[in-house]
């Protein structure tokens, strides 16, 4: 067996509409086909792939446990400079970094509910990697 890519991430949220809006506006992911589950939710697509599955819940999220919570999920992409300009236009804060020895450039953001996402770019894409506070 050779695992290659993550198919999708599933996120529970009390803010379904706001999360759908945020992912559409900030990451250009939009609702698409989803089985007729008996609970609210949305499957958000980018480039024909369902990357983020949202499940609408009315109960409070589980208490944070550092030993058992998803810390982040990652998406690979191209067009680093274009993404950074888009995030600034959307007033979305980000932190940048470069992986030591690998050179992969990461843009770290948080969605509407505060979930950590990093978007990874190949070494060598030219861009100003100065962090942006969203102001």
Protein backbone atom coordinates (compact mmCIF):
# COMPACT_ATOMS: atom_id res chain seq x y z
CA UNK A 1 0.00 0.00 0.00
CA UNK A 2 1.24 3.50 -0.85
CA UNK A 3 -0.76 6.39 0.62
CA UNK A 4 -0.41 9.56 -1.45
CA UNK A 5 -2.90 12.34 -0.63
CA UNK A 6 -5.55 13.23 1.91
CA UNK A 7 -9.03 12.88 0.40
CA UNK A 8 -10.92 15.27 2.70
CA UNK A 9 -11.30 16.54 6.24
CA UNK A 10 -14.60 16.45 8.16
CA UNK A 11 -15.33 19.38 10.48
CA UNK A 12 -18.21 19.73 12.96
CA UNK A 13 -19.48 23.29 13.30
CA UNK A 14 -22.18 25.30 15.01
CA UNK A 15 -21.64 27.96 12.30
CA UNK A 16 -22.51 26.07 9.11
CA UNK A 17 -23.56 29.06 6.99
CA UNK A 18 -20.62 31.20 8.12
CA UNK A 19 -18.17 28.36 7.45
CA UNK A 20 -19.60 27.79 3.94
CA UNK A 21 -19.27 31.52 3.24
CA UNK A 22 -15.68 31.69 4.61
CA UNK A 23 -14.39 28.70 2.63
CA UNK A 24 -16.01 30.08 -0.54
CA UNK A 25 -14.69 33.61 -0.09
CA UNK A 26 -11.21 32.80 1.21
CA UNK A 27 -10.30 29.45 -0.40
CA UNK A 28 -12.71 29.34 -3.38
CA UNK A 29 -14.31 26.10 -2.12
CA UNK A 30 -18.02 25.79 -2.84
CA UNK A 31 -20.81 23.36 -1.95
CA UNK A 32 -21.40 20.49 -4.35
CA UNK A 33 -22.94 17.04 -4.45
CA UNK A 34 -23.55 15.49 -1.04
CA UNK A 35 -25.54 12.39 -0.10
CA UNK A 36 -28.95 13.12 1.47
CA UNK A 37 -27.82 12.64 5.05
CA UNK A 38 -30.47 13.24 7.75
CA UNK A 39 -28.39 16.07 9.28
CA UNK A 40 -27.29 19.49 8.03
CA UNK A 41 -23.98 19.89 6.30
CA UNK A 42 -22.10 20.68 3.10
CA UNK A 43 -19.33 19.16 1.03
CA UNK A 44 -17.04 21.92 -0.21
CA UNK A 45 -15.27 21.36 -3.52
CA UNK A 46 -12.14 22.77 -5.16
CA UNK A 47 -11.02 21.70 -8.63
CA UNK A 48 -13.70 19.01 -8.72
CA UNK A 49 -12.68 17.37 -5.43
CA UNK A 50 -14.63 17.46 -2.17
CA UNK A 51 -11.90 18.65 0.21
CA UNK A 52 -13.84 19.82 3.27
CA UNK A 53 -16.96 18.12 4.63
CA UNK A 54 -18.90 20.26 7.10
CA UNK A 55 -21.41 18.82 9.56
CA UNK A 56 -23.82 21.25 11.19
CA UNK A 57 -24.31 20.60 14.90
CA UNK A 58 -26.32 22.38 17.55
CA UNK A 59 -24.39 21.13 20.56
CA UNK A 60 -21.25 22.80 21.81
CA UNK A 61 -17.97 21.52 20.41
CA UNK A 62 -16.09 18.97 22.48
CA UNK A 63 -13.71 20.46 25.03
CA UNK A 64 -10.19 20.93 23.68
CA UNK A 65 -7.80 18.08 24.46
CA UNK A 66 -4.26 18.64 23.24
CA UNK A 67 -3.70 14.88 23.08
CA UNK A 68 -6.75 14.12 20.93
CA UNK A 69 -7.63 17.06 18.67
CA UNK A 70 -6.81 17.72 15.05
CA UNK A 71 -4.13 20.42 15.10
CA UNK A 72 -4.33 21.26 11.40
CA UNK A 73 -4.96 20.02 7.90
CA UNK A 74 -2.90 20.88 4.84
CA UNK A 75 -3.66 21.59 1.20
CA UNK A 76 -1.01 21.72 -1.51
CA UNK A 77 -1.33 24.50 -4.07
CA UNK A 78 0.36 26.58 -6.75
CA UNK A 79 0.39 30.37 -7.06
CA UNK A 80 1.79 31.51 -3.71
CA UNK A 81 1.92 35.22 -4.58
CA UNK A 82 -1.67 35.12 -5.89
CA UNK A 83 -2.93 33.44 -2.71
CA UNK A 84 -1.17 35.96 -0.45
CA UNK A 85 -2.65 38.89 -2.40
CA UNK A 86 -6.11 37.30 -2.17
CA UNK A 87 -5.78 36.74 1.60
CA UNK A 88 -4.76 40.37 2.09
CA UNK A 89 -7.72 41.54 -0.03
CA UNK A 90 -10.02 39.39 2.15
CA UNK A 91 -8.37 40.77 5.33
CA UNK A 92 -7.50 37.20 6.35
CA UNK A 93 -4.51 36.99 8.68
CA UNK A 94 -1.73 34.56 7.81
CA UNK A 95 1.65 33.37 9.03
CA UNK A 96 4.28 32.10 6.62
CA UNK A 97 7.13 29.68 7.07
CA UNK A 98 9.57 27.54 5.14
CA UNK A 99 10.25 23.95 6.16
CA UNK A 100 13.92 23.50 7.04
CA UNK A 101 15.90 21.44 4.52
CA UNK A 102 12.78 20.77 2.40
CA UNK A 103 12.08 24.35 1.31
CA UNK A 104 8.30 23.84 1.22
CA UNK A 105 6.66 27.22 1.78
CA UNK A 106 3.65 27.21 4.09
CA UNK A 107 0.89 29.76 4.54
CA UNK A 108 -0.94 29.21 7.85
CA UNK A 109 -4.50 30.50 8.25
CA UNK A 110 -7.48 29.82 10.51
CA UNK A 111 -11.03 29.31 9.27
CA UNK A 112 -14.16 30.97 10.71
CA UNK A 113 -14.26 28.49 13.62
CA UNK A 114 -10.51 28.79 14.28
CA UNK A 115 -9.38 25.53 12.65
CA UNK A 116 -5.74 25.69 11.56
CA UNK A 117 -5.05 25.13 7.86
CA UNK A 118 -1.73 25.34 6.11
CA UNK A 119 -1.40 25.68 2.38
CA UNK A 120 1.84 24.28 1.00
CA UNK A 121 3.78 25.55 -2.01
CA UNK A 122 6.80 24.09 -3.75
CA UNK A 123 10.22 25.58 -3.05
CA UNK A 124 11.13 28.40 -5.37
CA UNK A 125 7.78 30.16 -5.80
CA UNK A 126 8.56 33.86 -5.42
CA UNK A 127 6.55 35.87 -2.88
CA UNK A 128 6.94 38.18 0.11
CA UNK A 129 6.56 35.79 3.06
CA UNK A 130 6.02 38.53 5.63
CA UNK A 131 3.21 37.60 8.03
CA UNK A 132 -0.05 39.58 7.75
CA UNK A 133 -2.31 40.38 10.71
CA UNK A 134 -5.55 40.85 8.77
CA UNK A 135 -5.80 44.59 9.37
